[in-house]
Amino acid sequence: MSVPTPLSRATLLFHRGWVIGVAVIAIVLGLIGLIFPGATLVLVAIVFGIALVAVGIRRIVHSYTASDLTRGMRWFAGILGALVLIAGILCLVDPFRSLSILGLLIGIAWVFEGASSVIGGAIGYVGGPRSLTIVAGVVALIAGIIMILLPLVALSAFLTVGSIILIVIGVTMLLLLPRRAAM
């Protein structure tokens, strides 16, 4: 068993700088989310739209350059890329509506995940305790239904909770900051 060696002064200062930087960013982002929730959600929608545009373009380019795909798969990739590109542009044109769609997609995914967990737990096709799998599935089902029925309210709640968590993490990081090395 080896004894840990103390960090050098330069390493400690470098580590402290990164921790302080990340903590401040977490606190600032958390405060922005709490103070400007509407603008933050719109920014999320815009970033979502930009990501879809980038993925769509990449798929279209891939459909032209992928020599390892069959002709049919290249067409499929190109059409899928065009659809994703159009979806991204629509998100950028109307970010508020894209938030609703994003909420619906998350809700639908949670409903499917919840249903599969409940079924998997009921038939015993799980790696852990069946009861916990079923409970997790029911929670996912309920969360998915709420997300489908009230997507913007649910996203706003996530933003609030996420913002508070960011602030707590940032403050905790600062409180746990390694002490300065002696000069």
N, C-alpha and C. Protein backbone atom coordinates (compact mmCIF):
# COMPACT_ATOMS: atom_id res chain seq x y z
N MET A 1 0.84 -1.17 0.00
CA MET A 1 0.00 0.00 0.00
C MET A 1 0.89 1.24 0.00
N SER A 2 0.61 2.16 -0.89
CA SER A 2 1.44 3.35 -0.98
C SER A 2 0.81 4.51 -0.22
N VAL A 3 1.65 5.39 0.22
CA VAL A 3 1.20 6.58 0.94
C VAL A 3 1.06 7.70 -0.08
N PRO A 4 -0.10 8.38 -0.10
CA PRO A 4 -0.25 9.46 -1.07
C PRO A 4 0.75 10.58 -0.79
N THR A 5 1.32 11.08 -1.86
CA THR A 5 2.26 12.19 -1.72
C THR A 5 1.50 13.50 -1.76
N PRO A 6 1.97 14.48 -1.01
CA PRO A 6 1.28 15.77 -1.04
C PRO A 6 1.40 16.41 -2.42
N LEU A 7 0.39 17.18 -2.77
CA LEU A 7 0.40 17.85 -4.07
C LEU A 7 1.41 18.97 -4.06
N SER A 8 2.05 19.18 -5.21
CA SER A 8 2.97 20.31 -5.32
C SER A 8 2.17 21.60 -5.28
N ARG A 9 2.84 22.69 -4.98
CA ARG A 9 2.18 24.00 -4.91
C ARG A 9 1.54 24.35 -6.25
N ALA A 10 2.24 24.11 -7.35
CA ALA A 10 1.70 24.43 -8.67
C ALA A 10 0.46 23.59 -8.98
N THR A 11 0.51 22.30 -8.65
CA THR A 11 -0.64 21.43 -8.88
C THR A 11 -1.83 21.86 -8.05
N LEU A 12 -1.57 22.21 -6.79
CA LEU A 12 -2.63 22.65 -5.90
C LEU A 12 -3.27 23.94 -6.41
N LEU A 13 -2.46 24.90 -6.84
CA LEU A 13 -3.00 26.16 -7.36
C LEU A 13 -3.80 25.92 -8.64
N PHE A 14 -3.30 25.04 -9.50
CA PHE A 14 -4.02 24.72 -10.73
C PHE A 14 -5.37 24.10 -10.40
N HIS A 15 -5.37 23.14 -9.49
CA HIS A 15 -6.61 22.46 -9.08
C HIS A 15 -7.58 23.46 -8.46
N ARG A 16 -7.10 24.31 -7.56
CA ARG A 16 -7.95 25.32 -6.92
C ARG A 16 -8.57 26.24 -7.97
N GLY A 17 -7.77 26.65 -8.94
CA GLY A 17 -8.29 27.54 -9.99
C GLY A 17 -9.43 26.90 -10.76
N TRP A 18 -9.26 25.64 -11.12
CA TRP A 18 -10.31 24.93 -11.86
C TRP A 18 -11.56 24.76 -11.00
N VAL A 19 -11.37 24.39 -9.76
CA VAL A 19 -12.52 24.20 -8.87
C VAL A 19 -13.28 25.51 -8.69
N ILE A 20 -12.55 26.59 -8.45
CA ILE A 20 -13.20 27.90 -8.29
C ILE A 20 -13.94 28.28 -9.57
N GLY A 21 -13.30 28.09 -10.73
CA GLY A 21 -13.94 28.43 -12.00
C GLY A 21 -15.22 27.64 -12.24
N VAL A 22 -15.16 26.34 -12.04
CA VAL A 22 -16.34 25.50 -12.25
C VAL A 22 -17.43 25.84 -11.24
N ALA A 23 -17.05 26.08 -10.00
CA ALA A 23 -18.03 26.43 -8.96
C ALA A 23 -18.74 27.74 -9.29
N VAL A 24 -17.97 28.74 -9.72
CA VAL A 24 -18.57 30.04 -10.06
C VAL A 24 -19.51 29.89 -11.25
N ILE A 25 -19.10 29.13 -12.26
CA ILE A 25 -19.96 28.90 -13.42
C ILE A 25 -21.25 28.21 -12.99
N ALA A 26 -21.16 27.21 -12.13
CA ALA A 26 -22.35 26.50 -11.65
C ALA A 26 -23.29 27.45 -10.91
N ILE A 27 -22.73 28.28 -10.05
CA ILE A 27 -23.56 29.22 -9.29
C ILE A 27 -24.21 30.24 -10.22
N VAL A 28 -23.44 30.78 -11.15
CA VAL A 28 -23.98 31.78 -12.09
C VAL A 28 -25.08 31.17 -12.95
N LEU A 29 -24.85 29.98 -13.49
CA LEU A 29 -25.88 29.33 -14.31
C LEU A 29 -27.13 29.03 -13.49
N GLY A 30 -26.95 28.60 -12.26
CA GLY A 30 -28.09 28.34 -11.39
C GLY A 30 -28.88 29.61 -11.12
N LEU A 31 -28.19 30.70 -10.86
CA LEU A 31 -28.87 31.98 -10.62
C LEU A 31 -29.60 32.46 -11.87
N ILE A 32 -28.96 32.32 -13.02
CA ILE A 32 -29.61 32.72 -14.28
C ILE A 32 -30.89 31.91 -14.48
N GLY A 33 -30.82 30.61 -14.23
CA GLY A 33 -32.00 29.76 -14.37
C GLY A 33 -33.13 30.17 -13.44
N LEU A 34 -32.79 30.60 -12.23
CA LEU A 34 -33.82 31.02 -11.28
C LEU A 34 -34.35 32.42 -11.57
N ILE A 35 -33.47 33.32 -11.99
CA ILE A 35 -33.87 34.71 -12.21
C ILE A 35 -34.57 34.89 -13.56
N PHE A 36 -34.10 34.18 -14.58
CA PHE A 36 -34.65 34.31 -15.93
C PHE A 36 -35.12 32.95 -16.46
N PRO A 37 -36.14 32.34 -15.86
CA PRO A 37 -36.53 30.99 -16.29
C PRO A 37 -37.04 30.94 -17.72
N GLY A 38 -37.83 31.92 -18.13
CA GLY A 38 -38.36 31.91 -19.50
C GLY A 38 -37.26 32.01 -20.54
N ALA A 39 -36.35 32.95 -20.33
CA ALA A 39 -35.25 33.12 -21.27
C ALA A 39 -34.34 31.89 -21.28
N THR A 40 -34.15 31.28 -20.12
CA THR A 40 -33.31 30.09 -20.04
C THR A 40 -33.93 28.94 -20.83
N LEU A 41 -35.24 28.76 -20.69
CA LEU A 41 -35.91 27.69 -21.43
C LEU A 41 -35.86 27.96 -22.93
N VAL A 42 -36.01 29.21 -23.34
CA VAL A 42 -35.92 29.54 -24.76
C VAL A 42 -34.50 29.25 -25.26
N LEU A 43 -33.50 29.58 -24.45
CA LEU A 43 -32.12 29.28 -24.83
C LEU A 43 -31.92 27.77 -24.99
N VAL A 44 -32.50 26.99 -24.09
CA VAL A 44 -32.42 25.53 -24.22
C VAL A 44 -33.04 25.09 -25.55
N ALA A 45 -34.18 25.67 -25.90
CA ALA A 45 -34.84 25.33 -27.16
C ALA A 45 -33.97 25.71 -28.35
N ILE A 46 -33.32 26.85 -28.28
CA ILE A 46 -32.45 27.29 -29.38
C ILE A 46 -31.25 26.36 -29.51
N VAL A 47 -30.64 26.01 -28.39
CA VAL A 47 -29.51 25.07 -28.43
C VAL A 47 -29.97 23.72 -28.98
N PHE A 48 -31.16 23.27 -28.58
CA PHE A 48 -31.75 22.04 -29.11
C PHE A 48 -31.90 22.14 -30.62
N GLY A 49 -32.40 23.28 -31.11
CA GLY A 49 -32.56 23.49 -32.55
C GLY A 49 -31.23 23.48 -33.28
N ILE A 50 -30.23 24.15 -32.72
CA ILE A 50 -28.90 24.17 -33.34
C ILE A 50 -28.33 22.75 -33.40
N ALA A 51 -28.51 21.98 -32.33
CA ALA A 51 -28.02 20.60 -32.32
C ALA A 51 -28.70 19.78 -33.41
N LEU A 52 -30.01 19.96 -33.57
CA LEU A 52 -30.73 19.22 -34.62
C LEU A 52 -30.25 19.62 -36.01
N VAL A 53 -30.02 20.91 -36.22
CA VAL A 53 -29.50 21.37 -37.52
C VAL A 53 -28.15 20.72 -37.79
N ALA A 54 -27.27 20.71 -36.80
CA ALA A 54 -25.94 20.12 -36.98
C ALA A 54 -26.04 18.62 -37.27
N VAL A 55 -26.89 17.92 -36.54
CA VAL A 55 -27.05 16.47 -36.77
C VAL A 55 -27.65 16.22 -38.15
N GLY A 56 -28.62 17.03 -38.54
CA GLY A 56 -29.23 16.88 -39.86
C GLY A 56 -28.22 17.07 -40.98
N ILE A 57 -27.41 18.11 -40.87
CA ILE A 57 -26.37 18.37 -41.89
C ILE A 57 -25.38 17.21 -41.93
N ARG A 58 -24.97 16.74 -40.75
CA ARG A 58 -24.02 15.63 -40.71
C ARG A 58 -24.59 14.38 -41.37
N ARG A 59 -25.86 14.11 -41.13
CA ARG A 59 -26.49 12.93 -41.75
C ARG A 59 -26.58 13.09 -43.27
N ILE A 60 -26.90 14.28 -43.72
CA ILE A 60 -26.99 14.51 -45.17
C ILE A 60 -25.61 14.33 -45.80
N VAL A 61 -24.59 14.94 -45.21
CA VAL A 61 -23.22 14.80 -45.73
C VAL A 61 -22.81 13.33 -45.70
N HIS A 62 -23.13 12.64 -44.61
CA HIS A 62 -22.79 11.22 -44.50
C HIS A 62 -23.48 10.39 -45.59
N SER A 63 -24.69 10.77 -45.94
CA SER A 63 -25.41 10.01 -46.97
C SER A 63 -24.71 10.11 -48.33
N TYR A 64 -23.99 11.21 -48.56
CA TYR A 64 -23.25 11.37 -49.81
C TYR A 64 -21.87 10.74 -49.76
N THR A 65 -21.27 10.71 -48.58
CA THR A 65 -19.88 10.28 -48.48
C THR A 65 -19.69 8.85 -47.97
N ALA A 66 -20.74 8.21 -47.48
CA ALA A 66 -20.61 6.88 -46.88
C ALA A 66 -20.54 5.82 -47.97
N SER A 67 -19.34 5.39 -48.27
CA SER A 67 -19.18 4.36 -49.30
C SER A 67 -19.50 2.97 -48.76
N ASP A 68 -19.55 2.83 -47.44
CA ASP A 68 -19.82 1.52 -46.85
C ASP A 68 -21.31 1.20 -46.75
N LEU A 69 -22.18 2.17 -47.05
CA LEU A 69 -23.62 1.95 -46.97
C LEU A 69 -24.18 1.57 -48.33
N THR A 70 -25.25 0.79 -48.30
CA THR A 70 -25.94 0.47 -49.55
C THR A 70 -26.63 1.72 -50.07
N ARG A 71 -27.04 1.68 -51.31
CA ARG A 71 -27.71 2.83 -51.91
C ARG A 71 -29.00 3.18 -51.14
N GLY A 72 -29.76 2.16 -50.77
CA GLY A 72 -30.99 2.38 -50.02
C GLY A 72 -30.73 3.02 -48.66
N MET A 73 -29.68 2.55 -47.98
CA MET A 73 -29.35 3.12 -46.68
C MET A 73 -28.86 4.56 -46.82
N ARG A 74 -28.16 4.85 -47.91
CA ARG A 74 -27.71 6.22 -48.13
C ARG A 74 -28.91 7.14 -48.35
N TRP A 75 -29.89 6.67 -49.11
CA TRP A 75 -31.12 7.45 -49.31
C TRP A 75 -31.83 7.67 -47.98
N PHE A 76 -31.93 6.59 -47.21
CA PHE A 76 -32.59 6.67 -45.91
C PHE A 76 -31.88 7.68 -45.01
N ALA A 77 -30.54 7.61 -44.96
CA ALA A 77 -29.77 8.54 -44.13
C ALA A 77 -29.96 9.98 -44.60
N GLY A 78 -30.00 10.17 -45.92
CA GLY A 78 -30.21 11.51 -46.46
C GLY A 78 -31.58 12.07 -46.14
N ILE A 79 -32.61 11.24 -46.29
CA ILE A 79 -33.98 11.68 -45.97
C ILE A 79 -34.11 11.96 -44.48
N LEU A 80 -33.57 11.06 -43.66
CA LEU A 80 -33.61 11.27 -42.22
C LEU A 80 -32.87 12.56 -41.86
N GLY A 81 -31.72 12.79 -42.47
CA GLY A 81 -30.97 14.01 -42.22
C GLY A 81 -31.75 15.25 -42.60
N ALA A 82 -32.45 15.19 -43.73
CA ALA A 82 -33.26 16.33 -44.16
C ALA A 82 -34.39 16.59 -43.16
N LEU A 83 -35.03 15.52 -42.69
CA LEU A 83 -36.11 15.69 -41.70
C LEU A 83 -35.59 16.28 -40.39
N VAL A 84 -34.44 15.81 -39.94
CA VAL A 84 -33.86 16.34 -38.71
C VAL A 84 -33.45 17.79 -38.90
N LEU A 85 -32.90 18.11 -40.07
CA LEU A 85 -32.52 19.49 -40.39
C LEU A 85 -33.75 20.40 -40.36
N ILE A 86 -34.83 19.96 -40.98
CA ILE A 86 -36.08 20.74 -40.98
C ILE A 86 -36.60 20.91 -39.56
N ALA A 87 -36.55 19.85 -38.76
CA ALA A 87 -36.99 19.95 -37.36
C ALA A 87 -36.15 20.97 -36.61
N GLY A 88 -34.86 20.98 -36.85
CA GLY A 88 -33.98 21.96 -36.20
C GLY A 88 -34.30 23.38 -36.60
N ILE A 89 -34.56 23.58 -37.88
CA ILE A 89 -34.93 24.92 -38.36
C ILE A 89 -36.24 25.36 -37.73
N LEU A 90 -37.21 24.45 -37.65
CA LEU A 90 -38.49 24.78 -37.01
C LEU A 90 -38.30 25.13 -35.54
N CYS A 91 -37.40 24.44 -34.86
CA CYS A 91 -37.11 24.78 -33.46
C CYS A 91 -36.53 26.18 -33.35
N LEU A 92 -35.70 26.55 -34.30
CA LEU A 92 -35.10 27.89 -34.26
C LEU A 92 -36.11 28.97 -34.61
N VAL A 93 -37.06 28.64 -35.50
CA VAL A 93 -38.09 29.61 -35.89
C VAL A 93 -39.06 29.85 -34.74
N ASP A 94 -39.45 28.79 -34.02
CA ASP A 94 -40.41 28.91 -32.92
C ASP A 94 -39.91 28.13 -31.70
N PRO A 95 -38.97 28.72 -30.95
CA PRO A 95 -38.38 28.00 -29.81
C PRO A 95 -39.40 27.60 -28.75
N PHE A 96 -40.42 28.41 -28.51
CA PHE A 96 -41.39 28.09 -27.47
C PHE A 96 -42.14 26.81 -27.80
N ARG A 97 -42.57 26.67 -29.05
CA ARG A 97 -43.27 25.45 -29.45
C ARG A 97 -42.33 24.25 -29.40
N SER A 98 -41.08 24.46 -29.74
CA SER A 98 -40.14 23.34 -29.70
C SER A 98 -39.94 22.84 -28.27
N LEU A 99 -40.08 23.74 -27.28
CA LEU A 99 -40.02 23.30 -25.89
C LEU A 99 -41.16 22.34 -25.57
N SER A 100 -42.34 22.66 -26.06
CA SER A 100 -43.49 21.77 -25.85
C SER A 100 -43.22 20.41 -26.48
N ILE A 101 -42.68 20.42 -27.68
CA ILE A 101 -42.39 19.17 -28.38
C ILE A 101 -41.31 18.39 -27.63
N LEU A 102 -40.27 19.09 -27.17
CA LEU A 102 -39.21 18.44 -26.40
C LEU A 102 -39.80 17.80 -25.14
N GLY A 103 -40.67 18.53 -24.45
CA GLY A 103 -41.33 17.98 -23.27
C GLY A 103 -42.16 16.75 -23.60
N LEU A 104 -42.89 16.81 -24.70
CA LEU A 104 -43.69 15.65 -25.13
C LEU A 104 -42.81 14.45 -25.43
N LEU A 105 -41.69 14.68 -26.14
CA LEU A 105 -40.79 13.58 -26.47
C LEU A 105 -40.20 12.95 -25.21
N ILE A 106 -39.81 13.79 -24.25
CA ILE A 106 -39.29 13.26 -22.99
C ILE A 106 -40.38 12.45 -22.29
N GLY A 107 -41.61 12.98 -22.27
CA GLY A 107 -42.72 12.28 -21.64
C GLY A 107 -43.00 10.94 -22.28
N ILE A 108 -43.01 10.91 -23.60
CA ILE A 108 -43.25 9.65 -24.32
C ILE A 108 -42.14 8.65 -24.01
N ALA A 109 -40.90 9.12 -24.00
CA ALA A 109 -39.78 8.23 -23.69
C ALA A 109 -39.91 7.66 -22.28
N TRP A 110 -40.31 8.50 -21.34
CA TRP A 110 -40.47 8.03 -19.96
C TRP A 110 -41.62 7.04 -19.83
N VAL A 111 -42.69 7.25 -20.57
CA VAL A 111 -43.81 6.30 -20.53
C VAL A 111 -43.34 4.94 -21.05
N PHE A 112 -42.61 4.93 -22.17
CA PHE A 112 -42.11 3.66 -22.70
C PHE A 112 -41.11 3.02 -21.74
N GLU A 113 -40.22 3.83 -21.18
CA GLU A 113 -39.24 3.31 -20.23
C GLU A 113 -39.94 2.76 -18.99
N GLY A 114 -40.92 3.49 -18.49
CA GLY A 114 -41.67 3.04 -17.32
C GLY A 114 -42.42 1.75 -17.58
N ALA A 115 -43.08 1.69 -18.72
CA ALA A 115 -43.83 0.48 -19.07
C ALA A 115 -42.89 -0.72 -19.19
N SER A 116 -41.75 -0.52 -19.84
CA SER A 116 -40.83 -1.65 -19.99
C SER A 116 -40.25 -2.07 -18.65
N SER A 117 -40.02 -1.11 -17.74
CA SER A 117 -39.52 -1.47 -16.41
C SER A 117 -40.57 -2.24 -15.61
N VAL A 118 -41.82 -1.80 -15.67
CA VAL A 118 -42.89 -2.49 -14.95
C VAL A 118 -43.04 -3.91 -15.50
N ILE A 119 -43.07 -4.04 -16.81
CA ILE A 119 -43.21 -5.36 -17.42
C ILE A 119 -42.00 -6.23 -17.10
N GLY A 120 -40.80 -5.65 -17.24
CA GLY A 120 -39.59 -6.40 -16.92
C GLY A 120 -39.56 -6.85 -15.47
N GLY A 121 -39.97 -5.97 -14.57
CA GLY A 121 -40.02 -6.34 -13.15
C GLY A 121 -41.06 -7.40 -12.87
N ALA A 122 -42.20 -7.31 -13.55
CA ALA A 122 -43.28 -8.27 -13.32
C ALA A 122 -42.91 -9.67 -13.79
N ILE A 123 -42.18 -9.76 -14.90
CA ILE A 123 -41.83 -11.08 -15.41
C ILE A 123 -40.46 -11.55 -14.92
N GLY A 124 -39.78 -10.71 -14.15
CA GLY A 124 -38.50 -11.11 -13.58
C GLY A 124 -37.31 -10.92 -14.48
N TYR A 125 -37.45 -10.12 -15.52
CA TYR A 125 -36.36 -9.90 -16.46
C TYR A 125 -35.60 -8.62 -16.07
N VAL A 126 -34.98 -8.65 -14.89
CA VAL A 126 -34.23 -7.49 -14.41
C VAL A 126 -32.95 -7.97 -13.74
N GLY A 127 -32.01 -7.06 -13.61
CA GLY A 127 -30.75 -7.42 -12.96
C GLY A 127 -30.78 -7.20 -11.46
N GLY A 128 -31.71 -6.37 -10.98
CA GLY A 128 -31.78 -6.04 -9.56
C GLY A 128 -33.08 -6.54 -8.95
N PRO A 129 -33.41 -5.99 -7.80
CA PRO A 129 -34.66 -6.38 -7.13
C PRO A 129 -35.88 -6.04 -7.99
N ARG A 130 -36.77 -7.00 -8.13
CA ARG A 130 -37.96 -6.81 -8.97
C ARG A 130 -38.84 -5.68 -8.46
N SER A 131 -39.02 -5.60 -7.14
CA SER A 131 -39.91 -4.58 -6.58
C SER A 131 -39.39 -3.18 -6.88
N LEU A 132 -38.09 -2.98 -6.76
CA LEU A 132 -37.53 -1.65 -7.05
C LEU A 132 -37.66 -1.31 -8.53
N THR A 133 -37.51 -2.29 -9.38
CA THR A 133 -37.68 -2.07 -10.81
C THR A 133 -39.11 -1.67 -11.13
N ILE A 134 -40.06 -2.32 -10.50
CA ILE A 134 -41.48 -1.99 -10.73
C ILE A 134 -41.78 -0.59 -10.20
N VAL A 135 -41.28 -0.27 -9.00
CA VAL A 135 -41.50 1.08 -8.43
C VAL A 135 -40.89 2.14 -9.34
N ALA A 136 -39.66 1.91 -9.79
CA ALA A 136 -39.02 2.87 -10.70
C ALA A 136 -39.82 3.01 -11.99
N GLY A 137 -40.37 1.91 -12.47
CA GLY A 137 -41.19 1.96 -13.68
C GLY A 137 -42.46 2.76 -13.48
N VAL A 138 -43.10 2.58 -12.33
CA VAL A 138 -44.33 3.33 -12.04
C VAL A 138 -44.02 4.82 -11.93
N VAL A 139 -42.91 5.15 -11.26
CA VAL A 139 -42.51 6.56 -11.14
C VAL A 139 -42.25 7.15 -12.53
N ALA A 140 -41.56 6.40 -13.39
CA ALA A 140 -41.29 6.88 -14.75
C ALA A 140 -42.59 7.05 -15.53
N LEU A 141 -43.52 6.11 -15.36
CA LEU A 141 -44.83 6.22 -16.04
C LEU A 141 -45.57 7.48 -15.59
N ILE A 142 -45.62 7.72 -14.29
CA ILE A 142 -46.32 8.90 -13.77
C ILE A 142 -45.63 10.17 -14.26
N ALA A 143 -44.30 10.21 -14.18
CA ALA A 143 -43.56 11.39 -14.65
C ALA A 143 -43.79 11.60 -16.14
N GLY A 144 -43.81 10.53 -16.90
CA GLY A 144 -44.04 10.64 -18.34
C GLY A 144 -45.42 11.18 -18.66
N ILE A 145 -46.43 10.71 -17.94
CA ILE A 145 -47.80 11.20 -18.16
C ILE A 145 -47.89 12.68 -17.81
N ILE A 146 -47.29 13.07 -16.68
CA ILE A 146 -47.29 14.50 -16.31
C ILE A 146 -46.57 15.31 -17.38
N MET A 147 -45.46 14.80 -17.87
CA MET A 147 -44.69 15.52 -18.89
C MET A 147 -45.50 15.66 -20.17
N ILE A 148 -46.26 14.64 -20.53
CA ILE A 148 -47.09 14.71 -21.74
C ILE A 148 -48.23 15.70 -21.56
N LEU A 149 -48.86 15.69 -20.39
CA LEU A 149 -50.01 16.56 -20.15
C LEU A 149 -49.60 18.01 -19.92
N LEU A 150 -48.48 18.23 -19.25
CA LEU A 150 -48.04 19.59 -18.91
C LEU A 150 -46.55 19.77 -19.24
N PRO A 151 -46.18 19.72 -20.51
CA PRO A 151 -44.75 19.73 -20.83
C PRO A 151 -44.02 21.00 -20.38
N LEU A 152 -44.63 22.15 -20.56
CA LEU A 152 -43.94 23.39 -20.19
C LEU A 152 -43.83 23.56 -18.68
N VAL A 153 -44.87 23.16 -17.97
CA VAL A 153 -44.83 23.23 -16.50
C VAL A 153 -43.74 22.29 -15.98
N ALA A 154 -43.69 21.08 -16.54
CA ALA A 154 -42.69 20.11 -16.10
C ALA A 154 -41.28 20.59 -16.41
N LEU A 155 -41.07 21.15 -17.61
CA LEU A 155 -39.75 21.67 -17.95
C LEU A 155 -39.37 22.83 -17.03
N SER A 156 -40.33 23.68 -16.70
CA SER A 156 -40.06 24.78 -15.77
C SER A 156 -39.67 24.25 -14.40
N ALA A 157 -40.36 23.21 -13.96
CA ALA A 157 -40.02 22.61 -12.66
C ALA A 157 -38.62 22.01 -12.70
N PHE A 158 -38.27 21.33 -13.80
CA PHE A 158 -36.93 20.78 -13.94
C PHE A 158 -35.89 21.89 -13.91
N LEU A 159 -36.19 22.99 -14.58
CA LEU A 159 -35.26 24.12 -14.61
C LEU A 159 -35.05 24.66 -13.19
N THR A 160 -36.12 24.81 -12.45
CA THR A 160 -36.00 25.34 -11.08
C THR A 160 -35.18 24.40 -10.21
N VAL A 161 -35.52 23.13 -10.23
CA VAL A 161 -34.78 22.15 -9.43
C VAL A 161 -33.32 22.08 -9.88
N GLY A 162 -33.11 22.02 -11.20
CA GLY A 162 -31.75 21.97 -11.72
C GLY A 162 -30.94 23.20 -11.35
N SER A 163 -31.57 24.37 -11.37
CA SER A 163 -30.87 25.60 -11.01
C SER A 163 -30.46 25.58 -9.54
N ILE A 164 -31.36 25.14 -8.69
CA ILE A 164 -31.05 25.05 -7.26
C ILE A 164 -29.91 24.05 -7.03
N ILE A 165 -29.96 22.93 -7.73
CA ILE A 165 -28.90 21.93 -7.60
C ILE A 165 -27.56 22.51 -8.05
N LEU A 166 -27.55 23.26 -9.15
CA LEU A 166 -26.30 23.88 -9.61
C LEU A 166 -25.73 24.82 -8.56
N ILE A 167 -26.59 25.62 -7.95
CA ILE A 167 -26.12 26.55 -6.92
C ILE A 167 -25.56 25.78 -5.73
N VAL A 168 -26.26 24.74 -5.29
CA VAL A 168 -25.79 23.94 -4.15
C VAL A 168 -24.45 23.28 -4.48
N ILE A 169 -24.32 22.74 -5.67
CA ILE A 169 -23.07 22.11 -6.08
C ILE A 169 -21.94 23.13 -6.10
N GLY A 170 -22.20 24.30 -6.68
CA GLY A 170 -21.17 25.34 -6.73
C GLY A 170 -20.72 25.78 -5.36
N VAL A 171 -21.66 26.02 -4.46
CA VAL A 171 -21.32 26.44 -3.10
C VAL A 171 -20.56 25.31 -2.38
N THR A 172 -21.01 24.08 -2.55
CA THR A 172 -20.34 22.94 -1.92
C THR A 172 -18.91 22.81 -2.43
N MET A 173 -18.71 23.01 -3.72
CA MET A 173 -17.36 22.94 -4.27
C MET A 173 -16.46 23.98 -3.63
N LEU A 174 -16.99 25.19 -3.44
CA LEU A 174 -16.20 26.24 -2.82
C LEU A 174 -15.90 25.92 -1.35
N LEU A 175 -16.88 25.34 -0.66
CA LEU A 175 -16.66 24.99 0.75
C LEU A 175 -15.65 23.86 0.91
N LEU A 176 -15.58 22.97 -0.08
CA LEU A 176 -14.67 21.83 -0.01
C LEU A 176 -13.35 22.09 -0.73
N LEU A 177 -13.12 23.32 -1.11
CA LEU A 177 -11.91 23.70 -1.84
C LEU A 177 -10.67 23.32 -1.04
N PRO A 178 -9.67 22.73 -1.70
CA PRO A 178 -8.44 22.39 -0.98
C PRO A 178 -7.79 23.66 -0.42
N ARG A 179 -7.21 23.53 0.74
CA ARG A 179 -6.55 24.68 1.37
C ARG A 179 -5.35 25.11 0.53
N ARG A 180 -5.04 26.39 0.65
CA ARG A 180 -3.86 26.91 -0.06
C ARG A 180 -2.60 26.32 0.56
N ALA A 181 -1.61 26.14 -0.31
CA ALA A 181 -0.31 25.69 0.19
C ALA A 181 0.36 26.85 0.92
N ALA A 182 1.17 26.52 1.90
CA ALA A 182 1.87 27.57 2.64
C ALA A 182 2.82 28.30 1.70
N MET A 183 2.87 29.60 1.83
CA MET A 183 3.72 30.42 0.95
C MET A 183 5.16 30.23 1.27
